[in-house]
Amino acid sequence: MIQLHATRKLFERLPVDQQGQLPSTPRSAWLFDAEPMDANPLSGWHGNRVTYQRRNCVLLVHDGTRFPLLLPALTKPDFAELNDRFVDALMNTLLKCGAKQGQLDAAQRHLRPLQIDTQCNRSVQGTLNRMGQDIELALHYDNINVAEITGYRQGAWMAQTPRTVKGQGCLWPQKAMLDLLSGLTSRDENREANHE
């Protein structure tokens, strides 16, 4: 599973079951078919529902790398398809950040369904709030209609902005996420070499 710590504003919109999972849909069924993982390095995200130009959007940030994703102009069916929307936003934002094929493959291998709860970390929530303000200013300054964007470019733009993380100093989200994926690629290659 990929753990998502949602704010109450986001959690209330999600049709989760008793285990904190969204229902499997035709677009997300493949995630549920994937083999379970004990420790998933892609796990650990915080999410918040934000409103831009009277449209519901979701802003997500990876706890360890502070890598951001923006899912703009969501409707009620989109919240039920959050597993699919998360995968789409992650892979396309990585592409916009210049991820190499090996890094994209590593991300793909570690994708699993979201496991959602409301246990939030104040430090990561602070990053989420700051990113939310940055997006709002960028939309206004560039006169962007949030209903006409995918959010990939905005996520990549935010990933290039350094973030201060308590106890870690300054973190560059794009570099941190790409380094994480490169490490997963090397680990998987070593594992395959040992099995031959």
C-alpha atoms as a PDB file:
ATOM      1  CA  MET A   1       0.000   0.000   0.000  1.00  0.00           C
ATOM      2  CA  ILE A   2       0.929   3.652  -0.318  1.00  0.00           C
ATOM      3  CA  GLN A   3       0.063   5.497   2.873  1.00  0.00           C
ATOM      4  CA  LEU A   4      -1.746   8.817   2.415  1.00  0.00           C
ATOM      5  CA  HIS A   5      -2.323  10.997   5.453  1.00  0.00           C
ATOM      6  CA  ALA A   6      -5.286  13.176   4.510  1.00  0.00           C
ATOM      7  CA  THR A   7      -6.581  16.320   6.141  1.00  0.00           C
ATOM      8  CA  ARG A   8     -10.186  16.186   7.328  1.00  0.00           C
ATOM      9  CA  LYS A   9     -11.172  18.397   4.365  1.00  0.00           C
ATOM     10  CA  LEU A  10      -9.872  15.773   1.950  1.00  0.00           C
ATOM     11  CA  PHE A  11     -10.850  12.671   3.941  1.00  0.00           C
ATOM     12  CA  GLU A  12     -14.523  13.732   4.064  1.00  0.00           C
ATOM     13  CA  ARG A  13     -14.667  13.685   0.244  1.00  0.00           C
ATOM     14  CA  LEU A  14     -13.196  10.202  -0.170  1.00  0.00           C
ATOM     15  CA  PRO A  15     -15.461   7.116  -0.329  1.00  0.00           C
ATOM     16  CA  VAL A  16     -13.112   4.935   1.732  1.00  0.00           C
ATOM     17  CA  ASP A  17     -14.022   1.663   3.433  1.00  0.00           C
ATOM     18  CA  GLN A  18     -13.308   0.633   7.052  1.00  0.00           C
ATOM     19  CA  GLN A  19      -9.672  -0.124   6.127  1.00  0.00           C
ATOM     20  CA  GLY A  20      -9.164   3.337   4.608  1.00  0.00           C
ATOM     21  CA  GLN A  21      -9.123   2.094   1.020  1.00  0.00           C
ATOM     22  CA  LEU A  22     -10.932   3.380  -2.027  1.00  0.00           C
ATOM     23  CA  PRO A  23     -12.947   0.854  -4.042  1.00  0.00           C
ATOM     24  CA  SER A  24     -11.240  -0.888  -6.940  1.00  0.00           C
ATOM     25  CA  THR A  25     -12.360   0.507 -10.290  1.00  0.00           C
ATOM     26  CA  PRO A  26     -11.612  -0.580 -13.868  1.00  0.00           C
ATOM     27  CA  ARG A  27      -8.858   2.080 -14.034  1.00  0.00           C
ATOM     28  CA  SER A  28      -7.253   1.129 -10.710  1.00  0.00           C
ATOM     29  CA  ALA A  29      -7.815  -2.665 -10.562  1.00  0.00           C
ATOM     30  CA  TRP A  30      -4.224  -3.368 -11.658  1.00  0.00           C
ATOM     31  CA  LEU A  31      -2.940  -1.636  -8.493  1.00  0.00           C
ATOM     32  CA  PHE A  32      -4.923  -4.053  -6.319  1.00  0.00           C
ATOM     33  CA  ASP A  33      -3.544  -7.018  -8.295  1.00  0.00           C
ATOM     34  CA  ALA A  34       0.073  -6.042  -7.562  1.00  0.00           C
ATOM     35  CA  GLU A  35       1.962  -8.134  -5.028  1.00  0.00           C
ATOM     36  CA  PRO A  36       1.983  -6.579  -1.515  1.00  0.00           C
ATOM     37  CA  MET A  37       5.194  -4.944  -0.264  1.00  0.00           C
ATOM     38  CA  ASP A  38       6.443  -4.922   3.339  1.00  0.00           C
ATOM     39  CA  ALA A  39       8.067  -1.493   3.119  1.00  0.00           C
ATOM     40  CA  ASN A  40       7.289   0.730   0.159  1.00  0.00           C
ATOM     41  CA  PRO A  41       9.696   3.687  -0.281  1.00  0.00           C
ATOM     42  CA  LEU A  42       7.028   5.499  -2.298  1.00  0.00           C
ATOM     43  CA  SER A  43       4.679   5.327   0.682  1.00  0.00           C
ATOM     44  CA  GLY A  44       4.121   8.266   3.000  1.00  0.00           C
ATOM     45  CA  TRP A  45       2.217  11.189   1.465  1.00  0.00           C
ATOM     46  CA  HIS A  46       0.172  14.004   2.949  1.00  0.00           C
ATOM     47  CA  GLY A  47      -2.821  15.402   1.092  1.00  0.00           C
ATOM     48  CA  ASN A  48      -5.161  18.344   1.385  1.00  0.00           C
ATOM     49  CA  ARG A  49      -8.230  19.505  -0.522  1.00  0.00           C
ATOM     50  CA  VAL A  50      -7.778  23.112  -1.600  1.00  0.00           C
ATOM     51  CA  THR A  51     -10.064  25.418  -3.541  1.00  0.00           C
ATOM     52  CA  TYR A  52      -8.747  27.514  -6.411  1.00  0.00           C
ATOM     53  CA  GLN A  53     -11.132  29.592  -8.520  1.00  0.00           C
ATOM     54  CA  ARG A  54     -14.061  27.803  -6.817  1.00  0.00           C
ATOM     55  CA  ARG A  55     -12.752  24.418  -8.033  1.00  0.00           C
ATOM     56  CA  ASN A  56     -11.852  21.483  -5.793  1.00  0.00           C
ATOM     57  CA  CYS A  57      -8.195  20.519  -6.145  1.00  0.00           C
ATOM     58  CA  VAL A  58      -5.963  18.113  -4.242  1.00  0.00           C
ATOM     59  CA  LEU A  59      -2.412  18.944  -3.272  1.00  0.00           C
ATOM     60  CA  LEU A  60      -0.163  16.026  -2.275  1.00  0.00           C
ATOM     61  CA  VAL A  61       3.378  15.993  -0.927  1.00  0.00           C
ATOM     62  CA  HIS A  62       5.701  13.027  -0.321  1.00  0.00           C
ATOM     63  CA  ASP A  63       6.846  13.034   3.298  1.00  0.00           C
ATOM     64  CA  GLY A  64      10.468  12.023   2.758  1.00  0.00           C
ATOM     65  CA  THR A  65      11.292  14.065  -0.339  1.00  0.00           C
ATOM     66  CA  ARG A  66       8.633  16.806  -0.192  1.00  0.00           C
ATOM     67  CA  PHE A  67       7.867  16.014  -3.845  1.00  0.00           C
ATOM     68  CA  PRO A  68       4.545  17.715  -4.751  1.00  0.00           C
ATOM     69  CA  LEU A  69       1.602  16.730  -6.929  1.00  0.00           C
ATOM     70  CA  LEU A  70      -1.314  18.931  -7.975  1.00  0.00           C
ATOM     71  CA  LEU A  71      -4.614  17.366  -9.037  1.00  0.00           C
ATOM     72  CA  PRO A  72      -6.728  20.278 -10.326  1.00  0.00           C
ATOM     73  CA  ALA A  73     -10.458  20.773 -10.831  1.00  0.00           C
ATOM     74  CA  LEU A  74     -11.714  17.485  -9.376  1.00  0.00           C
ATOM     75  CA  THR A  75     -15.333  16.387  -9.473  1.00  0.00           C
ATOM     76  CA  LYS A  76     -17.053  13.856  -7.222  1.00  0.00           C
ATOM     77  CA  PRO A  77     -16.180  10.890  -9.517  1.00  0.00           C
ATOM     78  CA  ASP A  78     -12.525  12.019  -9.510  1.00  0.00           C
ATOM     79  CA  PHE A  79     -12.341  11.618  -5.724  1.00  0.00           C
ATOM     80  CA  ALA A  80     -13.537   8.011  -6.098  1.00  0.00           C
ATOM     81  CA  GLU A  81     -10.795   7.529  -8.730  1.00  0.00           C
ATOM     82  CA  LEU A  82      -8.060   9.035  -6.539  1.00  0.00           C
ATOM     83  CA  ASN A  83      -5.873   5.928  -6.979  1.00  0.00           C
ATOM     84  CA  ASP A  84      -5.835   6.448 -10.747  1.00  0.00           C
ATOM     85  CA  ARG A  85      -5.493  10.230 -10.485  1.00  0.00           C
ATOM     86  CA  PHE A  86      -2.540   9.820  -8.086  1.00  0.00           C
ATOM     87  CA  VAL A  87      -0.719   7.459 -10.479  1.00  0.00           C
ATOM     88  CA  ASP A  88      -1.362   9.769 -13.442  1.00  0.00           C
ATOM     89  CA  ALA A  89      -0.143  12.862 -11.570  1.00  0.00           C
ATOM     90  CA  LEU A  90       2.956  11.142 -10.173  1.00  0.00           C
ATOM     91  CA  MET A  91       4.168   9.623 -13.439  1.00  0.00           C
ATOM     92  CA  ASN A  92       3.508  12.722 -15.542  1.00  0.00           C
ATOM     93  CA  THR A  93       5.010  15.115 -12.991  1.00  0.00           C
ATOM     94  CA  LEU A  94       8.117  12.891 -12.887  1.00  0.00           C
ATOM     95  CA  LEU A  95       8.281  13.146 -16.697  1.00  0.00           C
ATOM     96  CA  LYS A  96       8.070  16.948 -16.458  1.00  0.00           C
ATOM     97  CA  CYS A  97      10.933  16.805 -13.932  1.00  0.00           C
ATOM     98  CA  GLY A  98      13.148  14.983 -16.426  1.00  0.00           C
ATOM     99  CA  ALA A  99      12.993  11.508 -14.876  1.00  0.00           C
ATOM    100  CA  LYS A 100      14.903   8.890 -16.873  1.00  0.00           C
ATOM    101  CA  GLN A 101      13.280   5.648 -18.003  1.00  0.00           C
ATOM    102  CA  GLY A 102      14.884   3.625 -15.195  1.00  0.00           C
ATOM    103  CA  GLN A 103      13.488   6.035 -12.603  1.00  0.00           C
ATOM    104  CA  LEU A 104      10.015   5.878 -14.161  1.00  0.00           C
ATOM    105  CA  ASP A 105      10.197   2.082 -14.226  1.00  0.00           C
ATOM    106  CA  ALA A 106      11.180   2.039 -10.542  1.00  0.00           C
ATOM    107  CA  ALA A 107       8.212   4.269  -9.669  1.00  0.00           C
ATOM    108  CA  GLN A 108       5.898   2.037 -11.718  1.00  0.00           C
ATOM    109  CA  ARG A 109       7.085  -1.115  -9.905  1.00  0.00           C
ATOM    110  CA  HIS A 110       6.322   0.425  -6.505  1.00  0.00           C
ATOM    111  CA  LEU A 111       2.832   1.749  -7.260  1.00  0.00           C
ATOM    112  CA  ARG A 112       0.131   0.275  -5.025  1.00  0.00           C
ATOM    113  CA  PRO A 113      -3.364   1.353  -3.880  1.00  0.00           C
ATOM    114  CA  LEU A 114      -3.646   4.238  -1.453  1.00  0.00           C
ATOM    115  CA  GLN A 115      -4.216   3.467   2.240  1.00  0.00           C
ATOM    116  CA  ILE A 116      -5.814   6.614   3.673  1.00  0.00           C
ATOM    117  CA  ASP A 117      -5.960   7.892   7.248  1.00  0.00           C
ATOM    118  CA  THR A 118      -6.137  11.250   9.026  1.00  0.00           C
ATOM    119  CA  GLN A 119      -2.877  11.070  11.020  1.00  0.00           C
ATOM    120  CA  CYS A 120      -0.986  14.146   9.894  1.00  0.00           C
ATOM    121  CA  ASN A 121       2.518  15.455  10.611  1.00  0.00           C
ATOM    122  CA  ARG A 122       2.637  19.192  11.353  1.00  0.00           C
ATOM    123  CA  SER A 123       5.949  19.687   9.557  1.00  0.00           C
ATOM    124  CA  VAL A 124       4.643  18.150   6.313  1.00  0.00           C
ATOM    125  CA  GLN A 125       1.356  20.042   6.694  1.00  0.00           C
ATOM    126  CA  GLY A 126       3.388  23.250   6.917  1.00  0.00           C
ATOM    127  CA  THR A 127       5.008  22.364   3.583  1.00  0.00           C
ATOM    128  CA  LEU A 128       1.557  21.603   2.114  1.00  0.00           C
ATOM    129  CA  ASN A 129       0.213  24.976   3.258  1.00  0.00           C
ATOM    130  CA  ARG A 130       3.197  26.839   1.795  1.00  0.00           C
ATOM    131  CA  MET A 131       2.871  24.992  -1.515  1.00  0.00           C
ATOM    132  CA  GLY A 132      -0.832  25.784  -1.579  1.00  0.00           C
ATOM    133  CA  GLN A 133      -0.061  29.502  -1.255  1.00  0.00           C
ATOM    134  CA  ASP A 134       2.616  29.264  -3.962  1.00  0.00           C
ATOM    135  CA  ILE A 135       0.162  27.655  -6.390  1.00  0.00           C
ATOM    136  CA  GLU A 136      -2.521  30.232  -5.658  1.00  0.00           C
ATOM    137  CA  LEU A 137      -0.105  33.089  -6.380  1.00  0.00           C
ATOM    138  CA  ALA A 138       1.184  31.426  -9.563  1.00  0.00           C
ATOM    139  CA  LEU A 139      -2.346  30.855 -10.897  1.00  0.00           C
ATOM    140  CA  HIS A 140      -3.223  34.495 -10.244  1.00  0.00           C
ATOM    141  CA  TYR A 141       0.062  35.966 -11.506  1.00  0.00           C
ATOM    142  CA  ASP A 142       0.095  33.924 -14.737  1.00  0.00           C
ATOM    143  CA  ASN A 143      -3.676  34.271 -15.202  1.00  0.00           C
ATOM    144  CA  ILE A 144      -4.117  30.489 -15.433  1.00  0.00           C
ATOM    145  CA  ASN A 145      -7.563  28.896 -15.473  1.00  0.00           C
ATOM    146  CA  VAL A 146      -7.283  25.944 -13.071  1.00  0.00           C
ATOM    147  CA  ALA A 147      -9.997  24.056 -14.971  1.00  0.00           C
ATOM    148  CA  GLU A 148      -7.816  24.025 -18.099  1.00  0.00           C
ATOM    149  CA  ILE A 149      -4.584  22.582 -16.676  1.00  0.00           C
ATOM    150  CA  THR A 150      -3.400  19.074 -15.816  1.00  0.00           C
ATOM    151  CA  GLY A 151      -1.256  20.191 -12.874  1.00  0.00           C
ATOM    152  CA  TYR A 152       1.882  18.358 -14.068  1.00  0.00           C
ATOM    153  CA  ARG A 153       3.812  21.531 -14.937  1.00  0.00           C
ATOM    154  CA  GLN A 154       2.791  23.219 -11.683  1.00  0.00           C
ATOM    155  CA  GLY A 155       3.894  20.155  -9.693  1.00  0.00           C
ATOM    156  CA  ALA A 156       7.265  20.130 -11.475  1.00  0.00           C
ATOM    157  CA  TRP A 157       7.650  23.862 -10.837  1.00  0.00           C
ATOM    158  CA  MET A 158       6.993  23.386  -7.117  1.00  0.00           C
ATOM    159  CA  ALA A 159       9.440  20.453  -7.058  1.00  0.00           C
ATOM    160  CA  GLN A 160      12.228  22.839  -8.083  1.00  0.00           C
ATOM    161  CA  THR A 161      11.638  25.072  -5.071  1.00  0.00           C
ATOM    162  CA  PRO A 162      13.756  24.250  -1.998  1.00  0.00           C
ATOM    163  CA  ARG A 163      11.850  23.351   1.176  1.00  0.00           C
ATOM    164  CA  THR A 164      13.031  23.638   4.744  1.00  0.00           C
ATOM    165  CA  VAL A 165      12.480  20.412   6.654  1.00  0.00           C
ATOM    166  CA  LYS A 166      12.795  20.277  10.420  1.00  0.00           C
ATOM    167  CA  GLY A 167      15.955  18.378  11.352  1.00  0.00           C
ATOM    168  CA  GLN A 168      17.105  18.043   7.704  1.00  0.00           C
ATOM    169  CA  GLY A 169      17.751  21.622   6.661  1.00  0.00           C
ATOM    170  CA  CYS A 170      17.060  22.524   3.048  1.00  0.00           C
ATOM    171  CA  LEU A 171      15.643  19.861   0.728  1.00  0.00           C
ATOM    172  CA  TRP A 172      15.235  20.066  -3.063  1.00  0.00           C
ATOM    173  CA  PRO A 173      12.130  17.923  -3.777  1.00  0.00           C
ATOM    174  CA  GLN A 174      12.881  17.116  -7.416  1.00  0.00           C
ATOM    175  CA  LYS A 175      16.449  15.986  -6.688  1.00  0.00           C
ATOM    176  CA  ALA A 176      15.369  14.073  -3.569  1.00  0.00           C
ATOM    177  CA  MET A 177      12.643  12.129  -5.417  1.00  0.00           C
ATOM    178  CA  LEU A 178      14.823  11.359  -8.450  1.00  0.00           C
ATOM    179  CA  ASP A 179      17.636  10.213  -6.118  1.00  0.00           C
ATOM    180  CA  LEU A 180      15.154   7.960  -4.295  1.00  0.00           C
ATOM    181  CA  LEU A 181      14.032   6.400  -7.587  1.00  0.00           C
ATOM    182  CA  SER A 182      17.643   5.978  -8.768  1.00  0.00           C
ATOM    183  CA  GLY A 183      18.379   4.131  -5.527  1.00  0.00           C
ATOM    184  CA  LEU A 184      15.411   1.839  -6.143  1.00  0.00           C
ATOM    185  CA  THR A 185      16.655   1.180  -9.681  1.00  0.00           C
ATOM    186  CA  SER A 186      20.117   0.192  -8.397  1.00  0.00           C
ATOM    187  CA  ARG A 187      18.609  -1.993  -5.672  1.00  0.00           C
ATOM    188  CA  ASP A 188      16.360  -3.803  -8.168  1.00  0.00           C
ATOM    189  CA  GLU A 189      19.278  -4.330 -10.588  1.00  0.00           C
ATOM    190  CA  ASN A 190      21.425  -5.793  -7.781  1.00  0.00           C
ATOM    191  CA  ARG A 191      18.583  -8.096  -6.753  1.00  0.00           C
ATOM    192  CA  GLU A 192      18.176  -9.341 -10.326  1.00  0.00           C
ATOM    193  CA  ALA A 193      21.944  -9.885 -10.684  1.00  0.00           C
ATOM    194  CA  ASN A 194      21.987 -11.973  -7.490  1.00  0.00           C
ATOM    195  CA  HIS A 195      19.162 -14.183  -8.778  1.00  0.00           C
ATOM    196  CA  GLU A 196      20.998 -15.018 -12.024  1.00  0.00           C
END
